[in-house]
Amino acid sequence: MAVIVVYLNMGGIIFWLLEGMQDENYTAEGKKNWTYLNSVYFCAVTQTTIGYGDMFPTYWASRLFNVFFIFTGLALVGFAIGTLGSLVSSWSELVATDYIKKGLVDKGLSVCRSLAR
């Protein structure tokens, strides 16, 4: 999970540099649309494939980076989810083995059988 947080922050910095530092990206109130936090928000929304459409890259360099960012991010998120699933599976196997060694499974089954009668 830390890798994904670092990845989103790196993407936020790059999008902030590509989009936020441009003079044309000021709103009517004089505030920049692409602040660092807004850039990280854009990265998170893009990586979760939600895509609200409230922010989007306007320059060719940031659009090109966005394509690279999406494909590498999806692979990274897929890898992280697979790793997390493997950890949960290993943990549940250890817990089940521990319950069997302590005889808790047999006791639980006998209680369930007596309740079913």
Protein backbone atom coordinates (compact mmCIF):
# COMPACT_ATOMS: atom_id res chain seq x y z
CA MET A 1 0.00 0.00 0.00
CA ALA A 2 2.89 2.35 0.68
CA VAL A 3 4.06 1.85 -2.90
CA ILE A 4 0.70 3.07 -4.19
CA VAL A 5 0.82 6.15 -1.93
CA VAL A 6 4.32 6.97 -3.17
CA TYR A 7 3.19 6.38 -6.77
CA LEU A 8 0.21 8.73 -6.38
CA ASN A 9 2.42 11.41 -4.83
CA MET A 10 5.00 11.11 -7.62
CA GLY A 11 2.22 11.41 -10.19
CA GLY A 12 0.84 14.41 -8.31
CA ILE A 13 4.19 16.16 -8.42
CA ILE A 14 4.63 15.49 -12.13
CA PHE A 15 1.09 16.61 -13.02
CA TRP A 16 1.54 19.69 -10.85
CA LEU A 17 4.73 20.52 -12.71
CA LEU A 18 3.22 19.84 -16.14
CA GLU A 19 -0.19 21.47 -15.62
CA GLY A 20 -0.06 23.58 -12.50
CA MET A 21 2.91 25.69 -13.44
CA GLN A 22 1.31 26.96 -16.67
CA ASP A 23 -0.01 30.53 -16.75
CA GLU A 24 -3.26 29.56 -18.51
CA ASN A 25 -4.42 27.36 -15.63
CA TYR A 26 -5.74 30.18 -13.46
CA THR A 27 -9.43 30.36 -12.63
CA ALA A 28 -11.53 33.52 -12.66
CA GLU A 29 -10.78 33.95 -8.94
CA GLY A 30 -7.04 33.92 -9.66
CA LYS A 31 -6.38 30.51 -8.07
CA LYS A 32 -4.58 27.68 -9.80
CA ASN A 33 -6.67 24.64 -10.68
CA TRP A 34 -3.73 22.24 -10.59
CA THR A 35 -2.34 22.64 -7.10
CA TYR A 36 -0.30 19.79 -5.67
CA LEU A 37 -3.27 18.42 -3.71
CA ASN A 38 -5.57 18.69 -6.72
CA SER A 39 -2.96 16.86 -8.77
CA VAL A 40 -2.79 14.01 -6.23
CA TYR A 41 -6.60 13.98 -6.20
CA PHE A 42 -6.58 13.68 -10.00
CA CYS A 43 -4.09 10.79 -9.78
CA ALA A 44 -6.21 8.94 -7.20
CA VAL A 45 -9.41 9.42 -9.20
CA THR A 46 -7.65 8.27 -12.37
CA GLN A 47 -6.12 5.19 -10.74
CA THR A 48 -9.41 4.06 -9.26
CA THR A 49 -10.90 4.41 -12.77
CA ILE A 50 -13.65 6.68 -11.43
CA GLY A 51 -12.78 9.65 -13.63
CA TYR A 52 -15.19 12.38 -12.53
CA GLY A 53 -14.11 14.65 -15.40
CA ASP A 54 -13.73 17.72 -13.19
CA MET A 55 -10.01 17.87 -14.00
CA PHE A 56 -8.21 16.69 -17.11
CA PRO A 57 -4.81 17.26 -18.69
CA THR A 58 -4.75 20.00 -21.30
CA TYR A 59 -1.17 19.91 -22.59
CA TRP A 60 0.22 17.21 -24.88
CA ALA A 61 3.06 16.36 -22.48
CA SER A 62 0.70 15.83 -19.57
CA ARG A 63 -1.69 13.80 -21.74
CA LEU A 64 1.18 11.58 -22.83
CA PHE A 65 2.31 11.19 -19.23
CA ASN A 66 -1.29 10.39 -18.25
CA VAL A 67 -1.35 7.40 -20.62
CA PHE A 68 1.93 6.12 -19.14
CA PHE A 69 0.67 6.83 -15.60
CA ILE A 70 -2.59 4.94 -16.13
CA PHE A 71 -1.03 1.79 -17.59
CA THR A 72 1.78 1.52 -15.05
CA GLY A 73 -0.61 2.38 -12.22
CA LEU A 74 -3.13 -0.28 -13.17
CA ALA A 75 -0.35 -2.87 -13.28
CA LEU A 76 0.93 -1.66 -9.92
CA VAL A 77 -2.52 -1.73 -8.31
CA GLY A 78 -3.15 -5.21 -9.73
CA PHE A 79 0.15 -6.42 -8.30
CA ALA A 80 -0.64 -4.84 -4.90
CA ILE A 81 -4.09 -6.43 -4.76
CA GLY A 82 -2.62 -9.83 -5.69
CA THR A 83 0.04 -9.49 -3.01
CA LEU A 84 -2.53 -8.45 -0.43
CA GLY A 85 -4.75 -11.41 -1.36
CA SER A 86 -1.80 -13.76 -1.01
CA LEU A 87 -0.99 -12.36 2.43
CA VAL A 88 -4.58 -12.75 3.61
CA SER A 89 -4.69 -16.30 2.27
CA SER A 90 -1.43 -17.23 4.03
CA TRP A 91 -2.64 -15.64 7.26
CA SER A 92 -5.97 -17.46 7.20
CA GLU A 93 -4.16 -20.74 6.54
CA LEU A 94 -1.91 -20.17 9.56
CA VAL A 95 -4.90 -19.33 11.75
CA ALA A 96 -6.77 -22.44 10.56
CA THR A 97 -3.72 -24.63 11.22
CA ASP A 98 -3.39 -23.14 14.70
CA TYR A 99 -7.06 -23.82 15.43
CA ILE A 100 -6.68 -27.43 14.28
CA LYS A 101 -3.54 -27.95 16.40
CA LYS A 102 -5.31 -26.60 19.50
CA GLY A 103 -8.33 -28.79 18.87
CA LEU A 104 -10.65 -25.81 18.66
CA VAL A 105 -12.14 -26.94 15.36
CA ASP A 106 -13.26 -30.28 16.80
CA LYS A 107 -14.74 -28.59 19.87
CA GLY A 108 -16.57 -26.09 17.68
CA LEU A 109 -17.92 -28.83 15.45
CA SER A 110 -19.14 -30.84 18.44
CA VAL A 111 -20.92 -27.77 19.83
CA CYS A 112 -22.55 -27.18 16.45
CA ARG A 113 -23.63 -30.81 16.21
CA SER A 114 -25.14 -30.74 19.68
CA LEU A 115 -27.02 -27.54 18.87
CA ALA A 116 -28.35 -29.02 15.65
CA ARG A 117 -29.96 -31.95 17.49
